[in-house]
Amino acid sequence: MMGERGDSRMTSRENILVKREGFIERPHLIERLNEGLNCSLITVTAGSGYGKTSLLSAFARNRDDRLIWFHADRLDNNLPRFWRRFIEA
């Protein structure tokens, strides 16, 4: 996977985070994500600080199959850049 500057190192935007101290397990949300695996796309939305990244990290750590970890930001408002980064992921 290409990093933000075109090199082969993964950036923090592309790494799955390790489990943080004080992480609250949310098995019912993990189950909802597992149920969503039958879909083509899963999106998770919530306000800042609600634990989206922690939840998805926990979900990804417990999967044996390949997952795409993609975080869109305001720079991804440029459609060619968005699709380039999405395909690289």
N, C-alpha and C. Protein backbone atom coordinates (compact mmCIF):
# COMPACT_ATOMS: atom_id res chain seq x y z
N MET A 1 0.85 -1.17 0.00
CA MET A 1 0.00 0.00 0.00
C MET A 1 0.90 1.23 0.00
N MET A 2 0.52 2.23 -0.74
CA MET A 2 1.33 3.43 -0.83
C MET A 2 0.99 4.38 0.30
N GLY A 3 2.02 5.05 0.81
CA GLY A 3 1.81 6.04 1.84
C GLY A 3 1.35 7.35 1.22
N GLU A 4 1.08 8.33 2.05
CA GLU A 4 0.59 9.62 1.58
C GLU A 4 1.57 10.31 0.64
N ARG A 5 2.86 10.10 0.82
CA ARG A 5 3.85 10.78 0.01
C ARG A 5 4.33 9.92 -1.16
N GLY A 6 3.65 8.84 -1.44
CA GLY A 6 4.00 8.01 -2.57
C GLY A 6 5.01 6.93 -2.25
N ASP A 7 5.48 6.82 -0.99
CA ASP A 7 6.41 5.76 -0.67
C ASP A 7 5.64 4.52 -0.24
N SER A 8 6.35 3.46 0.06
CA SER A 8 5.69 2.19 0.35
C SER A 8 5.37 2.01 1.84
N ARG A 9 5.75 2.95 2.70
CA ARG A 9 5.45 2.84 4.12
C ARG A 9 4.00 3.20 4.38
N MET A 10 3.39 2.47 5.28
CA MET A 10 2.01 2.77 5.64
C MET A 10 1.98 3.95 6.58
N THR A 11 1.03 4.83 6.39
CA THR A 11 0.88 5.97 7.29
C THR A 11 -0.06 5.58 8.42
N SER A 12 -0.15 6.42 9.43
CA SER A 12 -1.05 6.12 10.55
C SER A 12 -2.50 6.05 10.08
N ARG A 13 -2.82 6.69 8.97
CA ARG A 13 -4.18 6.62 8.44
C ARG A 13 -4.47 5.23 7.90
N GLU A 14 -3.45 4.42 7.65
CA GLU A 14 -3.64 3.12 7.05
C GLU A 14 -3.36 1.98 8.02
N ASN A 15 -2.93 2.27 9.21
CA ASN A 15 -2.64 1.25 10.20
C ASN A 15 -3.83 1.01 11.12
N ILE A 16 -4.03 -0.25 11.48
CA ILE A 16 -5.06 -0.57 12.46
C ILE A 16 -4.49 -0.29 13.84
N LEU A 17 -5.19 0.45 14.64
CA LEU A 17 -4.69 0.84 15.95
C LEU A 17 -4.69 -0.33 16.92
N VAL A 18 -3.75 -0.28 17.85
CA VAL A 18 -3.70 -1.29 18.90
C VAL A 18 -4.76 -0.97 19.95
N LYS A 19 -5.09 -1.97 20.73
CA LYS A 19 -6.10 -1.79 21.78
C LYS A 19 -5.58 -0.82 22.83
N ARG A 20 -6.35 0.18 23.14
CA ARG A 20 -5.97 1.20 24.11
C ARG A 20 -6.39 0.81 25.51
N GLU A 21 -5.65 1.31 26.49
CA GLU A 21 -6.01 1.09 27.89
C GLU A 21 -7.36 1.76 28.14
N GLY A 22 -8.22 1.08 28.85
CA GLY A 22 -9.54 1.62 29.15
C GLY A 22 -10.56 1.39 28.05
N PHE A 23 -10.19 0.63 27.02
CA PHE A 23 -11.11 0.34 25.92
C PHE A 23 -12.33 -0.40 26.46
N ILE A 24 -13.50 0.03 26.07
CA ILE A 24 -14.74 -0.61 26.49
C ILE A 24 -15.19 -1.56 25.38
N GLU A 25 -15.30 -2.84 25.71
CA GLU A 25 -15.77 -3.83 24.74
C GLU A 25 -17.23 -3.55 24.41
N ARG A 26 -17.56 -3.64 23.16
CA ARG A 26 -18.94 -3.44 22.71
C ARG A 26 -19.33 -4.60 21.79
N PRO A 27 -19.58 -5.78 22.38
CA PRO A 27 -19.86 -6.96 21.57
C PRO A 27 -21.10 -6.82 20.69
N HIS A 28 -22.10 -6.06 21.15
CA HIS A 28 -23.30 -5.89 20.32
C HIS A 28 -22.99 -5.10 19.04
N LEU A 29 -22.04 -4.15 19.11
CA LEU A 29 -21.67 -3.41 17.91
C LEU A 29 -20.78 -4.25 16.99
N ILE A 30 -19.91 -5.07 17.58
CA ILE A 30 -19.10 -6.00 16.78
C ILE A 30 -20.02 -6.96 16.03
N GLU A 31 -21.06 -7.43 16.70
CA GLU A 31 -22.02 -8.32 16.06
C GLU A 31 -22.73 -7.63 14.89
N ARG A 32 -23.07 -6.37 15.07
CA ARG A 32 -23.71 -5.62 13.98
C ARG A 32 -22.76 -5.50 12.79
N LEU A 33 -21.48 -5.27 13.06
CA LEU A 33 -20.51 -5.21 11.97
C LEU A 33 -20.39 -6.57 11.28
N ASN A 34 -20.37 -7.65 12.07
CA ASN A 34 -20.32 -8.99 11.48
C ASN A 34 -21.53 -9.25 10.58
N GLU A 35 -22.70 -8.81 11.02
CA GLU A 35 -23.91 -8.96 10.21
C GLU A 35 -23.79 -8.19 8.90
N GLY A 36 -23.10 -7.07 8.93
CA GLY A 36 -22.93 -6.24 7.74
C GLY A 36 -21.96 -6.81 6.72
N LEU A 37 -21.25 -7.88 7.07
CA LEU A 37 -20.29 -8.46 6.13
C LEU A 37 -20.97 -9.03 4.89
N ASN A 38 -22.27 -9.23 4.95
CA ASN A 38 -23.02 -9.70 3.78
C ASN A 38 -23.27 -8.56 2.79
N CYS A 39 -22.95 -7.35 3.16
CA CYS A 39 -23.16 -6.18 2.31
C CYS A 39 -21.87 -5.84 1.55
N SER A 40 -22.00 -5.03 0.53
CA SER A 40 -20.84 -4.62 -0.25
C SER A 40 -20.01 -3.56 0.46
N LEU A 41 -20.64 -2.77 1.31
CA LEU A 41 -19.96 -1.65 1.95
C LEU A 41 -20.55 -1.44 3.33
N ILE A 42 -19.68 -1.17 4.30
CA ILE A 42 -20.11 -0.81 5.65
C ILE A 42 -19.57 0.58 5.93
N THR A 43 -20.42 1.47 6.40
CA THR A 43 -19.95 2.78 6.84
C THR A 43 -20.31 2.94 8.31
N VAL A 44 -19.44 3.63 9.02
CA VAL A 44 -19.68 3.91 10.43
C VAL A 44 -19.56 5.41 10.59
N THR A 45 -20.61 6.03 11.09
CA THR A 45 -20.60 7.48 11.28
C THR A 45 -21.05 7.81 12.69
N ALA A 46 -20.42 8.79 13.26
CA ALA A 46 -20.78 9.31 14.58
C ALA A 46 -19.90 10.54 14.82
N GLY A 47 -20.23 11.26 15.84
CA GLY A 47 -19.46 12.45 16.17
C GLY A 47 -18.06 12.13 16.68
N SER A 48 -17.26 13.15 16.75
CA SER A 48 -15.89 13.02 17.24
C SER A 48 -15.88 12.49 18.67
N GLY A 49 -15.03 11.51 18.94
CA GLY A 49 -14.88 10.98 20.29
C GLY A 49 -15.85 9.88 20.67
N TYR A 50 -16.66 9.41 19.75
CA TYR A 50 -17.65 8.37 20.07
C TYR A 50 -17.09 6.96 19.97
N GLY A 51 -15.82 6.79 19.56
CA GLY A 51 -15.20 5.47 19.56
C GLY A 51 -15.27 4.71 18.24
N LYS A 52 -15.47 5.41 17.14
CA LYS A 52 -15.54 4.73 15.83
C LYS A 52 -14.25 4.00 15.51
N THR A 53 -13.13 4.68 15.67
CA THR A 53 -11.84 4.08 15.35
C THR A 53 -11.54 2.91 16.28
N SER A 54 -11.82 3.06 17.56
CA SER A 54 -11.60 1.97 18.51
C SER A 54 -12.46 0.76 18.18
N LEU A 55 -13.73 1.00 17.85
CA LEU A 55 -14.62 -0.09 17.48
C LEU A 55 -14.13 -0.82 16.24
N LEU A 56 -13.79 -0.07 15.20
CA LEU A 56 -13.35 -0.71 13.96
C LEU A 56 -12.00 -1.39 14.12
N SER A 57 -11.14 -0.84 14.96
CA SER A 57 -9.86 -1.50 15.23
C SER A 57 -10.09 -2.85 15.91
N ALA A 58 -10.97 -2.88 16.90
CA ALA A 58 -11.29 -4.14 17.59
C ALA A 58 -11.89 -5.14 16.61
N PHE A 59 -12.77 -4.68 15.76
CA PHE A 59 -13.39 -5.54 14.75
C PHE A 59 -12.32 -6.11 13.81
N ALA A 60 -11.44 -5.26 13.31
CA ALA A 60 -10.42 -5.69 12.35
C ALA A 60 -9.40 -6.64 12.98
N ARG A 61 -9.06 -6.43 14.24
CA ARG A 61 -8.08 -7.30 14.91
C ARG A 61 -8.59 -8.73 15.03
N ASN A 62 -9.90 -8.91 15.05
CA ASN A 62 -10.48 -10.23 15.24
C ASN A 62 -10.91 -10.89 13.93
N ARG A 63 -10.50 -10.34 12.80
CA ARG A 63 -10.86 -10.89 11.49
C ARG A 63 -9.65 -11.58 10.88
N ASP A 64 -9.88 -12.68 10.19
CA ASP A 64 -8.81 -13.37 9.48
C ASP A 64 -8.78 -12.99 8.00
N ASP A 65 -9.89 -12.41 7.51
CA ASP A 65 -9.93 -12.05 6.10
C ASP A 65 -9.37 -10.64 5.89
N ARG A 66 -9.25 -10.24 4.64
CA ARG A 66 -8.69 -8.93 4.31
C ARG A 66 -9.76 -7.86 4.42
N LEU A 67 -9.38 -6.75 5.01
CA LEU A 67 -10.28 -5.60 5.14
C LEU A 67 -9.59 -4.38 4.57
N ILE A 68 -10.37 -3.45 4.07
CA ILE A 68 -9.82 -2.16 3.64
C ILE A 68 -10.08 -1.16 4.76
N TRP A 69 -9.01 -0.51 5.19
CA TRP A 69 -9.12 0.53 6.22
C TRP A 69 -8.95 1.85 5.48
N PHE A 70 -10.03 2.60 5.35
CA PHE A 70 -9.97 3.84 4.59
C PHE A 70 -10.62 4.95 5.38
N HIS A 71 -9.88 6.01 5.58
CA HIS A 71 -10.39 7.17 6.31
C HIS A 71 -10.39 8.35 5.35
N ALA A 72 -11.56 8.83 5.01
CA ALA A 72 -11.68 9.98 4.13
C ALA A 72 -11.59 11.27 4.94
N ASP A 73 -10.93 12.26 4.39
CA ASP A 73 -10.87 13.57 5.04
C ASP A 73 -11.27 14.65 4.04
N ARG A 74 -11.15 15.90 4.43
CA ARG A 74 -11.62 16.99 3.57
C ARG A 74 -10.85 17.06 2.26
N LEU A 75 -9.60 16.60 2.22
CA LEU A 75 -8.83 16.60 0.98
C LEU A 75 -9.39 15.59 -0.02
N ASP A 76 -10.13 14.60 0.48
CA ASP A 76 -10.72 13.60 -0.40
C ASP A 76 -11.97 14.13 -1.10
N ASN A 77 -12.25 15.41 -0.93
CA ASN A 77 -13.34 16.05 -1.65
C ASN A 77 -13.02 16.13 -3.14
N ASN A 78 -11.75 15.96 -3.48
CA ASN A 78 -11.30 15.91 -4.87
C ASN A 78 -11.52 14.48 -5.36
N LEU A 79 -12.47 14.30 -6.28
CA LEU A 79 -12.89 12.96 -6.69
C LEU A 79 -11.75 12.09 -7.22
N PRO A 80 -10.87 12.58 -8.11
CA PRO A 80 -9.76 11.73 -8.56
C PRO A 80 -8.85 11.29 -7.41
N ARG A 81 -8.58 12.21 -6.48
CA ARG A 81 -7.74 11.85 -5.31
C ARG A 81 -8.45 10.82 -4.45
N PHE A 82 -9.74 11.02 -4.21
CA PHE A 82 -10.51 10.06 -3.41
C PHE A 82 -10.40 8.66 -4.01
N TRP A 83 -10.70 8.51 -5.30
CA TRP A 83 -10.70 7.18 -5.92
C TRP A 83 -9.30 6.58 -5.97
N ARG A 84 -8.27 7.42 -6.19
CA ARG A 84 -6.89 6.92 -6.20
C ARG A 84 -6.55 6.33 -4.84
N ARG A 85 -6.85 7.07 -3.78
CA ARG A 85 -6.56 6.58 -2.42
C ARG A 85 -7.40 5.37 -2.08
N PHE A 86 -8.66 5.37 -2.50
CA PHE A 86 -9.55 4.24 -2.21
C PHE A 86 -9.03 2.98 -2.89
N ILE A 87 -8.64 3.08 -4.13
CA ILE A 87 -8.13 1.91 -4.87
C ILE A 87 -6.81 1.45 -4.28
N GLU A 88 -5.94 2.40 -3.85
CA GLU A 88 -4.69 2.00 -3.21
C GLU A 88 -4.94 1.23 -1.92
N ALA A 89 -6.00 1.60 -1.20
CA ALA A 89 -6.31 0.93 0.06
C ALA A 89 -6.69 -0.51 -0.24
